[in-house]
């Protein structure tokens, strides 16, 4: 039972890391295709820097890092929803960004649930 939970927690952590890489890559590629090189690099750096700061905690499987990842998905989700509604030319990109953000939030919640410490049963 314990090994199954730890195996599931490792898989959830791996999914979170994969989705972080996909989200950051998609964010940078979109800005490179849309803006001048300097602006795209600045926007990409601003979008990726918080994730780089969290990378060590996510690799180690710290629950605080999964919680921070969950909170960090909110701006991406908001940005994607705004672009879906307001920019017809960016709907495909924005829909992908919303999907990746939502999937990352779900994976972070799963990681948090699988790694939470259980209190001992009262005696």
PDB file of N, CA and C in Angstrom:
ATOM      1  N   UNK A   1       0.830  -1.204   0.000  1.00  0.00           N
ATOM      2  CA  UNK A   1       0.000   0.000   0.000  1.00  0.00           C
ATOM      3  C   UNK A   1       0.866   1.257   0.000  1.00  0.00           C
ATOM      4  N   UNK A   2       1.875   1.268   0.876  1.00  0.00           N
ATOM      5  CA  UNK A   2       2.754   2.437   0.982  1.00  0.00           C
ATOM      6  C   UNK A   2       3.564   2.628  -0.301  1.00  0.00           C
ATOM      7  N   UNK A   3       4.056   1.514  -0.866  1.00  0.00           N
ATOM      8  CA  UNK A   3       4.860   1.627  -2.085  1.00  0.00           C
ATOM      9  C   UNK A   3       4.004   2.061  -3.268  1.00  0.00           C
ATOM     10  N   UNK A   4       2.731   1.631  -3.289  1.00  0.00           N
ATOM     11  CA  UNK A   4       1.835   2.064  -4.361  1.00  0.00           C
ATOM     12  C   UNK A   4       1.601   3.568  -4.295  1.00  0.00           C
ATOM     13  N   UNK A   5       1.421   4.085  -3.074  1.00  0.00           N
ATOM     14  CA  UNK A   5       1.228   5.524  -2.921  1.00  0.00           C
ATOM     15  C   UNK A   5       2.475   6.299  -3.313  1.00  0.00           C
ATOM     16  N   UNK A   6       3.637   5.807  -2.910  1.00  0.00           N
ATOM     17  CA  UNK A   6       4.863   6.520  -3.267  1.00  0.00           C
ATOM     18  C   UNK A   6       5.114   6.439  -4.771  1.00  0.00           C
ATOM     19  N   UNK A   7       4.772   5.332  -5.399  1.00  0.00           N
ATOM     20  CA  UNK A   7       4.920   5.203  -6.849  1.00  0.00           C
ATOM     21  C   UNK A   7       3.957   6.159  -7.554  1.00  0.00           C
ATOM     22  N   UNK A   8       2.737   6.245  -7.058  1.00  0.00           N
ATOM     23  CA  UNK A   8       1.770   7.172  -7.642  1.00  0.00           C
ATOM     24  C   UNK A   8       2.198   8.616  -7.424  1.00  0.00           C
ATOM     25  N   UNK A   9       2.774   8.905  -6.278  1.00  0.00           N
ATOM     26  CA  UNK A   9       3.256  10.260  -6.004  1.00  0.00           C
ATOM     27  C   UNK A   9       4.417  10.607  -6.931  1.00  0.00           C
ATOM     28  N   UNK A  10       5.305   9.658  -7.193  1.00  0.00           N
ATOM     29  CA  UNK A  10       6.412   9.913  -8.129  1.00  0.00           C
ATOM     30  C   UNK A  10       5.890  10.152  -9.536  1.00  0.00           C
ATOM     31  N   UNK A  11       4.883   9.391  -9.937  1.00  0.00           N
ATOM     32  CA  UNK A  11       4.292   9.606 -11.265  1.00  0.00           C
ATOM     33  C   UNK A  11       3.631  10.970 -11.347  1.00  0.00           C
ATOM     34  N   UNK A  12       2.894  11.354 -10.300  1.00  0.00           N
ATOM     35  CA  UNK A  12       2.246  12.671 -10.293  1.00  0.00           C
ATOM     36  C   UNK A  12       3.283  13.781 -10.341  1.00  0.00           C
ATOM     37  N   UNK A  13       4.375  13.610  -9.619  1.00  0.00           N
ATOM     38  CA  UNK A  13       5.451  14.606  -9.637  1.00  0.00           C
ATOM     39  C   UNK A  13       6.080  14.694 -11.022  1.00  0.00           C
ATOM     40  N   UNK A  14       6.258  13.548 -11.688  1.00  0.00           N
ATOM     41  CA  UNK A  14       6.817  13.539 -13.039  1.00  0.00           C
ATOM     42  C   UNK A  14       5.875  14.238 -14.020  1.00  0.00           C
ATOM     43  N   UNK A  15       4.579  14.031 -13.854  1.00  0.00           N
ATOM     44  CA  UNK A  15       3.603  14.703 -14.720  1.00  0.00           C
ATOM     45  C   UNK A  15       3.640  16.209 -14.483  1.00  0.00           C
ATOM     46  N   UNK A  16       3.755  16.616 -13.236  1.00  0.00           N
ATOM     47  CA  UNK A  16       3.849  18.055 -12.926  1.00  0.00           C
ATOM     48  C   UNK A  16       5.078  18.651 -13.598  1.00  0.00           C
ATOM     49  N   UNK A  17       6.215  17.986 -13.491  1.00  0.00           N
ATOM     50  CA  UNK A  17       7.438  18.500 -14.111  1.00  0.00           C
ATOM     51  C   UNK A  17       7.311  18.563 -15.628  1.00  0.00           C
ATOM     52  N   UNK A  18       6.731  17.533 -16.238  1.00  0.00           N
ATOM     53  CA  UNK A  18       6.536  17.534 -17.676  1.00  0.00           C
ATOM     54  C   UNK A  18       5.626  18.676 -18.110  1.00  0.00           C
ATOM     55  N   UNK A  19       4.543  18.887 -17.393  1.00  0.00           N
ATOM     56  CA  UNK A  19       3.621  19.964 -17.740  1.00  0.00           C
ATOM     57  C   UNK A  19       4.237  21.338 -17.522  1.00  0.00           C
ATOM     58  N   UNK A  20       5.091  21.485 -16.526  1.00  0.00           N
ATOM     59  CA  UNK A  20       5.797  22.759 -16.323  1.00  0.00           C
ATOM     60  C   UNK A  20       6.700  23.048 -17.517  1.00  0.00           C
ATOM     61  N   UNK A  21       7.431  22.034 -17.966  1.00  0.00           N
ATOM     62  CA  UNK A  21       8.311  22.218 -19.126  1.00  0.00           C
ATOM     63  C   UNK A  21       7.491  22.568 -20.368  1.00  0.00           C
ATOM     64  N   UNK A  22       6.388  21.860 -20.590  1.00  0.00           N
ATOM     65  CA  UNK A  22       5.531  22.154 -21.746  1.00  0.00           C
ATOM     66  C   UNK A  22       4.939  23.558 -21.674  1.00  0.00           C
ATOM     67  N   UNK A  23       4.463  23.939 -20.510  1.00  0.00           N
ATOM     68  CA  UNK A  23       3.856  25.259 -20.345  1.00  0.00           C
ATOM     69  C   UNK A  23       4.876  26.364 -20.583  1.00  0.00           C
ATOM     70  N   UNK A  24       6.043  26.230 -19.995  1.00  0.00           N
ATOM     71  CA  UNK A  24       7.083  27.253 -20.179  1.00  0.00           C
ATOM     72  C   UNK A  24       7.551  27.307 -21.632  1.00  0.00           C
ATOM     73  N   UNK A  25       7.742  26.154 -22.235  1.00  0.00           N
ATOM     74  CA  UNK A  25       8.154  26.119 -23.636  1.00  0.00           C
ATOM     75  C   UNK A  25       7.127  26.746 -24.558  1.00  0.00           C
ATOM     76  N   UNK A  26       5.865  26.413 -24.335  1.00  0.00           N
ATOM     77  CA  UNK A  26       4.794  26.971 -25.140  1.00  0.00           C
ATOM     78  C   UNK A  26       4.711  28.485 -24.954  1.00  0.00           C
ATOM     79  N   UNK A  27       4.866  28.950 -23.748  1.00  0.00           N
ATOM     80  CA  UNK A  27       4.814  30.377 -23.443  1.00  0.00           C
ATOM     81  C   UNK A  27       5.939  31.122 -24.178  1.00  0.00           C
ATOM     82  N   UNK A  28       7.148  30.594 -24.132  1.00  0.00           N
ATOM     83  CA  UNK A  28       8.285  31.244 -24.785  1.00  0.00           C
ATOM     84  C   UNK A  28       8.139  31.193 -26.302  1.00  0.00           C
ATOM     85  N   UNK A  29       7.770  30.041 -26.849  1.00  0.00           N
ATOM     86  CA  UNK A  29       7.601  29.934 -28.300  1.00  0.00           C
ATOM     87  C   UNK A  29       6.540  30.888 -28.827  1.00  0.00           C
ATOM     88  N   UNK A  30       5.445  31.027 -28.096  1.00  0.00           N
ATOM     89  CA  UNK A  30       4.391  31.929 -28.520  1.00  0.00           C
ATOM     90  C   UNK A  30       4.901  33.365 -28.581  1.00  0.00           C
ATOM     91  N   UNK A  31       5.626  33.770 -27.576  1.00  0.00           N
ATOM     92  CA  UNK A  31       6.136  35.136 -27.565  1.00  0.00           C
ATOM     93  C   UNK A  31       7.210  35.357 -28.627  1.00  0.00           C
ATOM     94  N   UNK A  32       8.007  34.333 -28.924  1.00  0.00           N
ATOM     95  CA  UNK A  32       8.998  34.466 -29.994  1.00  0.00           C
ATOM     96  C   UNK A  32       8.335  34.626 -31.357  1.00  0.00           C
ATOM     97  N   UNK A  33       7.217  33.957 -31.570  1.00  0.00           N
ATOM     98  CA  UNK A  33       6.511  34.054 -32.850  1.00  0.00           C
ATOM     99  C   UNK A  33       5.717  35.349 -32.972  1.00  0.00           C
ATOM    100  N   UNK A  34       5.400  35.968 -31.866  1.00  0.00           N
ATOM    101  CA  UNK A  34       4.470  37.099 -31.875  1.00  0.00           C
ATOM    102  C   UNK A  34       5.159  38.455 -31.746  1.00  0.00           C
ATOM    103  N   UNK A  35       6.261  38.529 -31.035  1.00  0.00           N
ATOM    104  CA  UNK A  35       6.894  39.805 -30.739  1.00  0.00           C
ATOM    105  C   UNK A  35       8.314  39.844 -31.285  1.00  0.00           C
ATOM    106  N   UNK A  36       8.948  41.005 -31.174  1.00  0.00           N
ATOM    107  CA  UNK A  36      10.354  41.109 -31.555  1.00  0.00           C
ATOM    108  C   UNK A  36      11.183  40.257 -30.601  1.00  0.00           C
ATOM    109  N   UNK A  37      12.395  39.955 -31.028  1.00  0.00           N
ATOM    110  CA  UNK A  37      13.225  39.035 -30.257  1.00  0.00           C
ATOM    111  C   UNK A  37      13.491  39.526 -28.822  1.00  0.00           C
ATOM    112  N   UNK A  38      13.812  40.798 -28.654  1.00  0.00           N
ATOM    113  CA  UNK A  38      14.087  41.330 -27.319  1.00  0.00           C
ATOM    114  C   UNK A  38      12.871  41.290 -26.413  1.00  0.00           C
ATOM    115  N   UNK A  39      11.731  41.712 -26.961  1.00  0.00           N
ATOM    116  CA  UNK A  39      10.491  41.681 -26.179  1.00  0.00           C
ATOM    117  C   UNK A  39      10.108  40.254 -25.824  1.00  0.00           C
ATOM    118  N   UNK A  40      10.259  39.347 -26.786  1.00  0.00           N
ATOM    119  CA  UNK A  40       9.913  37.950 -26.542  1.00  0.00           C
ATOM    120  C   UNK A  40      10.812  37.342 -25.471  1.00  0.00           C
ATOM    121  N   UNK A  41      12.093  37.652 -25.505  1.00  0.00           N
ATOM    122  CA  UNK A  41      12.999  37.104 -24.493  1.00  0.00           C
ATOM    123  C   UNK A  41      12.691  37.671 -23.112  1.00  0.00           C
ATOM    124  N   UNK A  42      12.358  38.948 -23.049  1.00  0.00           N
ATOM    125  CA  UNK A  42      12.000  39.546 -21.766  1.00  0.00           C
ATOM    126  C   UNK A  42      10.704  38.950 -21.208  1.00  0.00           C
ATOM    127  N   UNK A  43       9.682  38.842 -22.067  1.00  0.00           N
ATOM    128  CA  UNK A  43       8.407  38.251 -21.634  1.00  0.00           C
ATOM    129  C   UNK A  43       8.580  36.783 -21.277  1.00  0.00           C
ATOM    130  N   UNK A  44       9.369  36.064 -22.081  1.00  0.00           N
ATOM    131  CA  UNK A  44       9.613  34.656 -21.788  1.00  0.00           C
ATOM    132  C   UNK A  44      10.358  34.468 -20.486  1.00  0.00           C
ATOM    133  N   UNK A  45      11.353  35.310 -20.232  1.00  0.00           N
ATOM    134  CA  UNK A  45      12.103  35.227 -18.978  1.00  0.00           C
ATOM    135  C   UNK A  45      11.208  35.532 -17.787  1.00  0.00           C
ATOM    136  N   UNK A  46      10.351  36.546 -17.933  1.00  0.00           N
ATOM    137  CA  UNK A  46       9.433  36.884 -16.836  1.00  0.00           C
ATOM    138  C   UNK A  46       8.435  35.755 -16.584  1.00  0.00           C
ATOM    139  N   UNK A  47       8.051  35.043 -17.634  1.00  0.00           N
ATOM    140  CA  UNK A  47       7.104  33.948 -17.475  1.00  0.00           C
ATOM    141  C   UNK A  47       7.727  32.668 -16.960  1.00  0.00           C
ATOM    142  N   UNK A  48       9.006  32.469 -17.224  1.00  0.00           N
ATOM    143  CA  UNK A  48       9.667  31.214 -16.867  1.00  0.00           C
ATOM    144  C   UNK A  48      10.437  31.311 -15.549  1.00  0.00           C
ATOM    145  N   UNK A  49      10.886  32.487 -15.176  1.00  0.00           N
ATOM    146  CA  UNK A  49      11.704  32.655 -13.976  1.00  0.00           C
ATOM    147  C   UNK A  49      11.074  32.073 -12.703  1.00  0.00           C
ATOM    148  N   UNK A  50       9.786  32.321 -12.427  1.00  0.00           N
ATOM    149  CA  UNK A  50       9.216  31.710 -11.208  1.00  0.00           C
ATOM    150  C   UNK A  50       9.280  30.183 -11.213  1.00  0.00           C
ATOM    151  N   UNK A  51       9.138  29.592 -12.400  1.00  0.00           N
ATOM    152  CA  UNK A  51       9.199  28.133 -12.486  1.00  0.00           C
ATOM    153  C   UNK A  51      10.618  27.638 -12.260  1.00  0.00           C
ATOM    154  N   UNK A  52      11.612  28.401 -12.718  1.00  0.00           N
ATOM    155  CA  UNK A  52      13.000  28.009 -12.478  1.00  0.00           C
ATOM    156  C   UNK A  52      13.325  28.051 -10.990  1.00  0.00           C
ATOM    157  N   UNK A  53      12.746  29.006 -10.288  1.00  0.00           N
ATOM    158  CA  UNK A  53      12.959  29.091  -8.852  1.00  0.00           C
ATOM    159  C   UNK A  53      12.319  27.906  -8.119  1.00  0.00           C
ATOM    160  N   UNK A  54      11.252  27.360  -8.684  1.00  0.00           N
ATOM    161  CA  UNK A  54      10.553  26.220  -8.068  1.00  0.00           C
ATOM    162  C   UNK A  54      11.114  24.867  -8.480  1.00  0.00           C
ATOM    163  N   UNK A  55      11.938  24.835  -9.504  1.00  0.00           N
ATOM    164  CA  UNK A  55      12.362  23.564 -10.095  1.00  0.00           C
ATOM    165  C   UNK A  55      13.005  22.623  -9.075  1.00  0.00           C
ATOM    166  N   UNK A  56      13.862  23.142  -8.233  1.00  0.00           N
ATOM    167  CA  UNK A  56      14.522  22.282  -7.245  1.00  0.00           C
ATOM    168  C   UNK A  56      13.534  21.620  -6.300  1.00  0.00           C
ATOM    169  N   UNK A  57      12.574  22.367  -5.822  1.00  0.00           N
ATOM    170  CA  UNK A  57      11.566  21.806  -4.928  1.00  0.00           C
ATOM    171  C   UNK A  57      10.667  20.801  -5.618  1.00  0.00           C
ATOM    172  N   UNK A  58      10.353  21.055  -6.896  1.00  0.00           N
ATOM    173  CA  UNK A  58       9.524  20.109  -7.633  1.00  0.00           C
ATOM    174  C   UNK A  58      10.267  18.802  -7.882  1.00  0.00           C
ATOM    175  N   UNK A  59      11.548  18.892  -8.183  1.00  0.00           N
ATOM    176  CA  UNK A  59      12.345  17.679  -8.414  1.00  0.00           C
ATOM    177  C   UNK A  59      12.457  16.867  -7.134  1.00  0.00           C
ATOM    178  N   UNK A  60      12.636  17.544  -5.996  1.00  0.00           N
ATOM    179  CA  UNK A  60      12.748  16.846  -4.714  1.00  0.00           C
ATOM    180  C   UNK A  60      11.402  16.358  -4.188  1.00  0.00           C
ATOM    181  N   UNK A  61      10.306  16.831  -4.771  1.00  0.00           N
ATOM    182  CA  UNK A  61       8.982  16.389  -4.347  1.00  0.00           C
ATOM    183  C   UNK A  61       8.469  17.078  -3.110  1.00  0.00           C
ATOM    184  N   UNK A  62       8.857  18.303  -2.890  1.00  0.00           N
ATOM    185  CA  UNK A  62       8.396  19.039  -1.715  1.00  0.00           C
ATOM    186  C   UNK A  62       6.944  19.487  -1.925  1.00  0.00           C
ATOM    187  N   UNK A  63       6.074  19.218  -0.971  1.00  0.00           N
ATOM    188  CA  UNK A  63       4.672  19.617  -1.114  1.00  0.00           C
ATOM    189  C   UNK A  63       4.493  21.128  -1.260  1.00  0.00           C
ATOM    190  N   UNK A  64       5.358  21.918  -0.627  1.00  0.00           N
ATOM    191  CA  UNK A  64       5.253  23.372  -0.748  1.00  0.00           C
ATOM    192  C   UNK A  64       5.490  23.809  -2.192  1.00  0.00           C
ATOM    193  N   UNK A  65       6.367  23.120  -2.903  1.00  0.00           N
ATOM    194  CA  UNK A  65       6.633  23.445  -4.300  1.00  0.00           C
ATOM    195  C   UNK A  65       5.424  23.106  -5.163  1.00  0.00           C
ATOM    196  N   UNK A  66       4.741  21.992  -4.858  1.00  0.00           N
ATOM    197  CA  UNK A  66       3.523  21.652  -5.605  1.00  0.00           C
ATOM    198  C   UNK A  66       2.427  22.673  -5.339  1.00  0.00           C
ATOM    199  N   UNK A  67       2.339  23.135  -4.112  1.00  0.00           N
ATOM    200  CA  UNK A  67       1.351  24.162  -3.782  1.00  0.00           C
ATOM    201  C   UNK A  67       1.672  25.466  -4.507  1.00  0.00           C
ATOM    202  N   UNK A  68       2.938  25.843  -4.534  1.00  0.00           N
ATOM    203  CA  UNK A  68       3.341  27.053  -5.256  1.00  0.00           C
ATOM    204  C   UNK A  68       3.088  26.892  -6.754  1.00  0.00           C
ATOM    205  N   UNK A  69       3.315  25.700  -7.289  1.00  0.00           N
ATOM    206  CA  UNK A  69       3.032  25.448  -8.707  1.00  0.00           C
ATOM    207  C   UNK A  69       1.546  25.613  -8.991  1.00  0.00           C
ATOM    208  N   UNK A  70       0.722  25.144  -8.073  1.00  0.00           N
ATOM    209  CA  UNK A  70      -0.717  25.315  -8.239  1.00  0.00           C
ATOM    210  C   UNK A  70      -1.089  26.796  -8.278  1.00  0.00           C
ATOM    211  N   UNK A  71      -0.493  27.577  -7.400  1.00  0.00           N
ATOM    212  CA  UNK A  71      -0.779  29.016  -7.371  1.00  0.00           C
ATOM    213  C   UNK A  71      -0.203  29.734  -8.587  1.00  0.00           C
ATOM    214  N   UNK A  72       0.929  29.271  -9.098  1.00  0.00           N
ATOM    215  CA  UNK A  72       1.536  29.912 -10.256  1.00  0.00           C
ATOM    216  C   UNK A  72       0.786  29.655 -11.557  1.00  0.00           C
ATOM    217  N   UNK A  73      -0.046  28.650 -11.593  1.00  0.00           N
ATOM    218  CA  UNK A  73      -0.800  28.387 -12.822  1.00  0.00           C
ATOM    219  C   UNK A  73      -1.913  29.410 -13.031  1.00  0.00           C
ATOM    220  N   UNK A  74      -2.324  30.093 -11.981  1.00  0.00           N
ATOM    221  CA  UNK A  74      -3.441  31.036 -12.074  1.00  0.00           C
ATOM    222  C   UNK A  74      -3.200  32.151 -13.092  1.00  0.00           C
ATOM    223  N   UNK A  75      -2.050  32.825 -13.110  1.00  0.00           N
ATOM    224  CA  UNK A  75      -1.853  33.867 -14.120  1.00  0.00           C
ATOM    225  C   UNK A  75      -1.864  33.325 -15.549  1.00  0.00           C
ATOM    226  N   UNK A  76      -1.313  32.133 -15.767  1.00  0.00           N
ATOM    227  CA  UNK A  76      -1.327  31.550 -17.104  1.00  0.00           C
ATOM    228  C   UNK A  76      -2.755  31.236 -17.538  1.00  0.00           C
ATOM    229  N   UNK A  77      -3.540  30.717 -16.615  1.00  0.00           N
ATOM    230  CA  UNK A  77      -4.930  30.418 -16.912  1.00  0.00           C
ATOM    231  C   UNK A  77      -5.701  31.698 -17.232  1.00  0.00           C
ATOM    232  N   UNK A  78      -5.487  32.736 -16.441  1.00  0.00           N
ATOM    233  CA  UNK A  78      -6.153  34.015 -16.701  1.00  0.00           C
ATOM    234  C   UNK A  78      -5.732  34.631 -18.021  1.00  0.00           C
ATOM    235  N   UNK A  79      -4.435  34.593 -18.307  1.00  0.00           N
ATOM    236  CA  UNK A  79      -3.918  35.135 -19.568  1.00  0.00           C
ATOM    237  C   UNK A  79      -4.494  34.376 -20.759  1.00  0.00           C
ATOM    238  N   UNK A  80      -4.520  33.051 -20.653  1.00  0.00           N
ATOM    239  CA  UNK A  80      -5.075  32.240 -21.738  1.00  0.00           C
ATOM    240  C   UNK A  80      -6.553  32.495 -21.951  1.00  0.00           C
ATOM    241  N   UNK A  81      -7.322  32.594 -20.872  1.00  0.00           N
ATOM    242  CA  UNK A  81      -8.759  32.874 -21.016  1.00  0.00           C
ATOM    243  C   UNK A  81      -8.999  34.246 -21.626  1.00  0.00           C
ATOM    244  N   UNK A  82      -8.201  35.235 -21.226  1.00  0.00           N
ATOM    245  CA  UNK A  82      -8.339  36.566 -21.794  1.00  0.00           C
ATOM    246  C   UNK A  82      -8.051  36.535 -23.301  1.00  0.00           C
ATOM    247  N   UNK A  83      -7.005  35.828 -23.709  1.00  0.00           N
ATOM    248  CA  UNK A  83      -6.666  35.756 -25.128  1.00  0.00           C
ATOM    249  C   UNK A  83      -7.721  34.988 -25.921  1.00  0.00           C
ATOM    250  N   UNK A  84      -8.285  33.947 -25.345  1.00  0.00           N
ATOM    251  CA  UNK A  84      -9.346  33.198 -26.034  1.00  0.00           C
ATOM    252  C   UNK A  84     -10.535  34.105 -26.313  1.00  0.00           C
ATOM    253  N   UNK A  85     -10.905  34.922 -25.341  1.00  0.00           N
ATOM    254  CA  UNK A  85     -12.079  35.779 -25.495  1.00  0.00           C
ATOM    255  C   UNK A  85     -11.810  37.022 -26.329  1.00  0.00           C
ATOM    256  N   UNK A  86     -10.619  37.601 -26.217  1.00  0.00           N
ATOM    257  CA  UNK A  86     -10.388  38.917 -26.802  1.00  0.00           C
ATOM    258  C   UNK A  86      -9.611  38.900 -28.115  1.00  0.00           C
ATOM    259  N   UNK A  87      -8.885  37.854 -28.416  1.00  0.00           N
ATOM    260  CA  UNK A  87      -7.999  37.865 -29.569  1.00  0.00           C
ATOM    261  C   UNK A  87      -8.299  36.676 -30.475  1.00  0.00           C
ATOM    262  N   UNK A  88      -9.087  36.882 -31.532  1.00  0.00           N
ATOM    263  CA  UNK A  88      -9.425  35.753 -32.407  1.00  0.00           C
ATOM    264  C   UNK A  88      -8.210  35.111 -33.080  1.00  0.00           C
ATOM    265  N   UNK A  89      -7.173  35.887 -33.347  1.00  0.00           N
ATOM    266  CA  UNK A  89      -5.988  35.340 -33.990  1.00  0.00           C
ATOM    267  C   UNK A  89      -5.156  34.458 -33.080  1.00  0.00           C
ATOM    268  N   UNK A  90      -5.367  34.538 -31.788  1.00  0.00           N
ATOM    269  CA  UNK A  90      -4.561  33.787 -30.833  1.00  0.00           C
ATOM    270  C   UNK A  90      -5.346  32.675 -30.153  1.00  0.00           C
ATOM    271  N   UNK A  91      -6.492  32.342 -30.682  1.00  0.00           N
ATOM    272  CA  UNK A  91      -7.343  31.364 -29.978  1.00  0.00           C
ATOM    273  C   UNK A  91      -6.711  29.983 -29.874  1.00  0.00           C
ATOM    274  N   UNK A  92      -6.040  29.531 -30.915  1.00  0.00           N
ATOM    275  CA  UNK A  92      -5.428  28.196 -30.858  1.00  0.00           C
ATOM    276  C   UNK A  92      -4.330  28.163 -29.792  1.00  0.00           C
ATOM    277  N   UNK A  93      -3.485  29.170 -29.793  1.00  0.00           N
ATOM    278  CA  UNK A  93      -2.435  29.243 -28.780  1.00  0.00           C
ATOM    279  C   UNK A  93      -3.049  29.346 -27.388  1.00  0.00           C
ATOM    280  N   UNK A  94      -4.007  30.243 -27.257  1.00  0.00           N
ATOM    281  CA  UNK A  94      -4.588  30.499 -25.939  1.00  0.00           C
ATOM    282  C   UNK A  94      -5.337  29.275 -25.415  1.00  0.00           C
ATOM    283  N   UNK A  95      -6.025  28.571 -26.292  1.00  0.00           N
ATOM    284  CA  UNK A  95      -6.728  27.367 -25.851  1.00  0.00           C
ATOM    285  C   UNK A  95      -5.734  26.309 -25.368  1.00  0.00           C
ATOM    286  N   UNK A  96      -4.604  26.191 -26.059  1.00  0.00           N
ATOM    287  CA  UNK A  96      -3.570  25.258 -25.623  1.00  0.00           C
ATOM    288  C   UNK A  96      -2.997  25.677 -24.275  1.00  0.00           C
ATOM    289  N   UNK A  97      -2.785  26.981 -24.103  1.00  0.00           N
ATOM    290  CA  UNK A  97      -2.277  27.491 -22.833  1.00  0.00           C
ATOM    291  C   UNK A  97      -3.266  27.216 -21.694  1.00  0.00           C
ATOM    292  N   UNK A  98      -4.555  27.421 -21.948  1.00  0.00           N
ATOM    293  CA  UNK A  98      -5.573  27.134 -20.931  1.00  0.00           C
ATOM    294  C   UNK A  98      -5.577  25.641 -20.597  1.00  0.00           C
ATOM    295  N   UNK A  99      -5.498  24.797 -21.629  1.00  0.00           N
ATOM    296  CA  UNK A  99      -5.485  23.357 -21.397  1.00  0.00           C
ATOM    297  C   UNK A  99      -4.270  22.941 -20.573  1.00  0.00           C
ATOM    298  N   UNK A 100      -3.081  23.434 -20.944  1.00  0.00           N
ATOM    299  CA  UNK A 100      -1.870  23.084 -20.199  1.00  0.00           C
ATOM    300  C   UNK A 100      -1.935  23.603 -18.761  1.00  0.00           C
ATOM    301  N   UNK A 101      -2.451  24.809 -18.577  1.00  0.00           N
ATOM    302  CA  UNK A 101      -2.571  25.372 -17.226  1.00  0.00           C
ATOM    303  C   UNK A 101      -3.525  24.556 -16.374  1.00  0.00           C
ATOM    304  N   UNK A 102      -4.654  24.183 -16.949  1.00  0.00           N
ATOM    305  CA  UNK A 102      -5.628  23.396 -16.202  1.00  0.00           C
ATOM    306  C   UNK A 102      -5.063  22.011 -15.874  1.00  0.00           C
ATOM    307  N   UNK A 103      -4.400  21.392 -16.848  1.00  0.00           N
ATOM    308  CA  UNK A 103      -3.801  20.068 -16.603  1.00  0.00           C
ATOM    309  C   UNK A 103      -2.728  20.155 -15.522  1.00  0.00           C
ATOM    310  N   UNK A 104      -1.952  21.227 -15.537  1.00  0.00           N
ATOM    311  CA  UNK A 104      -0.925  21.408 -14.507  1.00  0.00           C
ATOM    312  C   UNK A 104      -1.555  21.597 -13.141  1.00  0.00           C
ATOM    313  N   UNK A 105      -2.644  22.349 -13.065  1.00  0.00           N
ATOM    314  CA  UNK A 105      -3.329  22.542 -11.782  1.00  0.00           C
ATOM    315  C   UNK A 105      -3.863  21.208 -11.251  1.00  0.00           C
ATOM    316  N   UNK A 106      -4.455  20.409 -12.123  1.00  0.00           N
ATOM    317  CA  UNK A 106      -4.980  19.105 -11.708  1.00  0.00           C
ATOM    318  C   UNK A 106      -3.840  18.188 -11.253  1.00  0.00           C
ATOM    319  N   UNK A 107      -2.726  18.191 -11.991  1.00  0.00           N
ATOM    320  CA  UNK A 107      -1.586  17.355 -11.608  1.00  0.00           C
ATOM    321  C   UNK A 107      -0.978  17.821 -10.280  1.00  0.00           C
ATOM    322  N   UNK A 108      -0.926  19.129 -10.056  1.00  0.00           N
ATOM    323  CA  UNK A 108      -0.394  19.639  -8.787  1.00  0.00           C
ATOM    324  C   UNK A 108      -1.297  19.253  -7.622  1.00  0.00           C
ATOM    325  N   UNK A 109      -2.603  19.298  -7.829  1.00  0.00           N
ATOM    326  CA  UNK A 109      -3.541  18.865  -6.784  1.00  0.00           C
ATOM    327  C   UNK A 109      -3.360  17.377  -6.495  1.00  0.00           C
ATOM    328  N   UNK A 110      -3.211  16.577  -7.553  1.00  0.00           N
ATOM    329  CA  UNK A 110      -2.986  15.141  -7.358  1.00  0.00           C
ATOM    330  C   UNK A 110      -1.684  14.892  -6.604  1.00  0.00           C
ATOM    331  N   UNK A 111      -0.656  15.636  -6.955  1.00  0.00           N
ATOM    332  CA  UNK A 111       0.629  15.493  -6.263  1.00  0.00           C
ATOM    333  C   UNK A 111       0.486  15.866  -4.787  1.00  0.00           C
ATOM    334  N   UNK A 112      -0.239  16.924  -4.506  1.00  0.00           N
ATOM    335  CA  UNK A 112      -0.455  17.325  -3.111  1.00  0.00           C
ATOM    336  C   UNK A 112      -1.233  16.275  -2.333  1.00  0.00           C
ATOM    337  N   UNK A 113      -2.250  15.723  -2.958  1.00  0.00           N
ATOM    338  CA  UNK A 113      -3.059  14.720  -2.260  1.00  0.00           C
ATOM    339  C   UNK A 113      -2.276  13.433  -2.015  1.00  0.00           C
ATOM    340  N   UNK A 114      -1.430  13.069  -2.950  1.00  0.00           N
ATOM    341  CA  UNK A 114      -0.678  11.822  -2.803  1.00  0.00           C
ATOM    342  C   UNK A 114       0.497  11.949  -1.854  1.00  0.00           C
ATOM    343  N   UNK A 115       0.995  13.146  -1.636  1.00  0.00           N
ATOM    344  CA  UNK A 115       2.157  13.316  -0.765  1.00  0.00           C
ATOM    345  C   UNK A 115       1.806  13.864   0.607  1.00  0.00           C
ATOM    346  N   UNK A 116       0.539  14.067   0.878  1.00  0.00           N
ATOM    347  CA  UNK A 116       0.195  14.638   2.189  1.00  0.00           C
ATOM    348  C   UNK A 116       0.458  13.612   3.289  1.00  0.00           C
ATOM    349  N   UNK A 117       0.831  14.148   4.409  1.00  0.00           N
ATOM    350  CA  UNK A 117       1.095  13.291   5.566  1.00  0.00           C
ATOM    351  C   UNK A 117      -0.208  13.025   6.291  1.00  0.00           C
ATOM    352  N   UNK A 118      -0.376  11.807   6.640  1.00  0.00           N
ATOM    353  CA  UNK A 118      -1.584  11.416   7.336  1.00  0.00           C
ATOM    354  C   UNK A 118      -1.320  11.424   8.845  1.00  0.00           C
ATOM    355  N   UNK A 119      -2.255  11.943   9.586  1.00  0.00           N
ATOM    356  CA  UNK A 119      -2.130  11.947  11.049  1.00  0.00           C
ATOM    357  C   UNK A 119      -2.405  10.540  11.570  1.00  0.00           C
ATOM    358  N   UNK A 120      -1.739  10.149  12.625  1.00  0.00           N
ATOM    359  CA  UNK A 120      -2.026   8.830  13.195  1.00  0.00           C
ATOM    360  C   UNK A 120      -3.441   8.772  13.731  1.00  0.00           C
ATOM    361  N   UNK A 121      -4.016   7.601  13.699  1.00  0.00           N
ATOM    362  CA  UNK A 121      -5.373   7.411  14.180  1.00  0.00           C
ATOM    363  C   UNK A 121      -5.408   7.661  15.690  1.00  0.00           C
ATOM    364  N   UNK A 122      -6.447   8.337  16.160  1.00  0.00           N
ATOM    365  CA  UNK A 122      -6.538   8.575  17.600  1.00  0.00           C
ATOM    366  C   UNK A 122      -6.753   7.246  18.342  1.00  0.00           C
ATOM    367  N   UNK A 123      -6.165   7.163  19.497  1.00  0.00           N
ATOM    368  CA  UNK A 123      -6.297   5.930  20.283  1.00  0.00           C
ATOM    369  C   UNK A 123      -7.142   6.146  21.497  1.00  0.00           C
TER     370      UNK A 123
END
